[in-house]
Amino acid sequence: MNTNHESSALQAHLDQFFSQLTQCPELEGQLSPEDLPQLLQAGLSHVLNAALQKERQFHLADHPQDRANGYAPKRALKMGTTTVELERPRTREAFYPAVLPKHQRHLPEAYQQLLRNILLGARSFNAARRTLQALGLGYSPEQVEQLLEELHQEAKSFFSRPLCPDWLCLFLDAKIIELKDEHDQVKKAVHFLAIGIGPDGKKEVITASTFWGHEILDSWRKVLIELKNRGLLRVLLLVTDDFSGLAPMIQSLFPNSDHQLCTVHLLRNAQRHLCLEDYSCFKQAWREIQTASSFESAQTKFPRFTGTTPAQEQRLGPTLGKAHRQLPDFSQIPRAPPPSVALHQSARGA
């Protein structure tokens, strides 16, 4: 297995999860594919600046006659399509971090992957060690270990940061992926991601956690309790998949929040189990629920939705029956006005 597999698996989960969110009716007009790079902007800036600080420490340890001399003016750097701000550490003897390209605006691609990998919750540093060696940055083996440990701690610090107590929406997802452990053995792991939308409409990746083994309820409990311990108290709507036992646990931890099952998972499940004709009817019935004028109207349409065809009743009846009270929760949330209406209202207010 190649050294980029771990990074690819973690990034692929984020890409897939975000793609699901852009299809959710709850987020119509709120998320677009262009928003994805910005979700990791703060985290990447956090770990990159930590790496630069650590490199200056290495330099000062090797050159005791030199002294730290503050920071150069803030600079924007490109990591793929993501713009991150950094403060380049300076010394009196013109130290310059080896990883920063002079007179360029992009980090080396391999170093970008290393930072994303650690930020998203990688559990093995072997691939990162090989990356640092291949880049030829002049680190000793001891310095490589110190740098990787520093980056790991900074990533943990970023995803341990205090959270705003109130959120509009919280989307959580878990995916089974394959990761290498410290012995380069490939193991099953479950990777958790949570993306939140705050009261100001700002989108954030608020957690990225990895557990060895398969998806179990105890892992979900740890993730949710950690969010509460970081300050998250109230959320209007939580969206998850239909993992057994998750709904009552969310109800106990967030009793005043609405909990909705992911509609994208629902439609994918229907497409997988139904023939093309039945699936077309299924999508049409679901569209009627999406466009219902009220929560009550959506609920009245649900019996028709669950019984559109005999094949649907047989294959999806139990799942839909259990989801009856949760699937249409989005209809209780006011839709954002079309851009033309919002612009007209803004002009009137001015």
Foldseek 3Di string as FASTA:
>chain_A
DDLLQLLCQLVVVLVVLLVLVCPFLLCPVQDDPVCSLVQCQVVLQQLVQLLQVLQVVVVCVVPVVKAWDAWDPWDWADQDNHIHIYTHTAIPVGDGQLQDDPPHRYTPNLVSSVLSSLLQEAAECPSVVVSVVVVVRPDDPVSSVVSSVSSNVSSVVQLLAADEQEFAEKEKEKDWDWHAHHVRDIFIKIWMWMWTQHPVSDIYTNDIYIDTDDDDVVVVVVVVVSNVVSNHHAYAEYEYACDPPPVVVCCVRHVNHAYAYRVSVVLVQCVVQDDPVVSVQLVVLVVCLSPDQALVRSLVSLVCNCPVDPSSCVRPVVVSVVRSVHHSPSRHPDDDDPPVVVVVVVVVVD
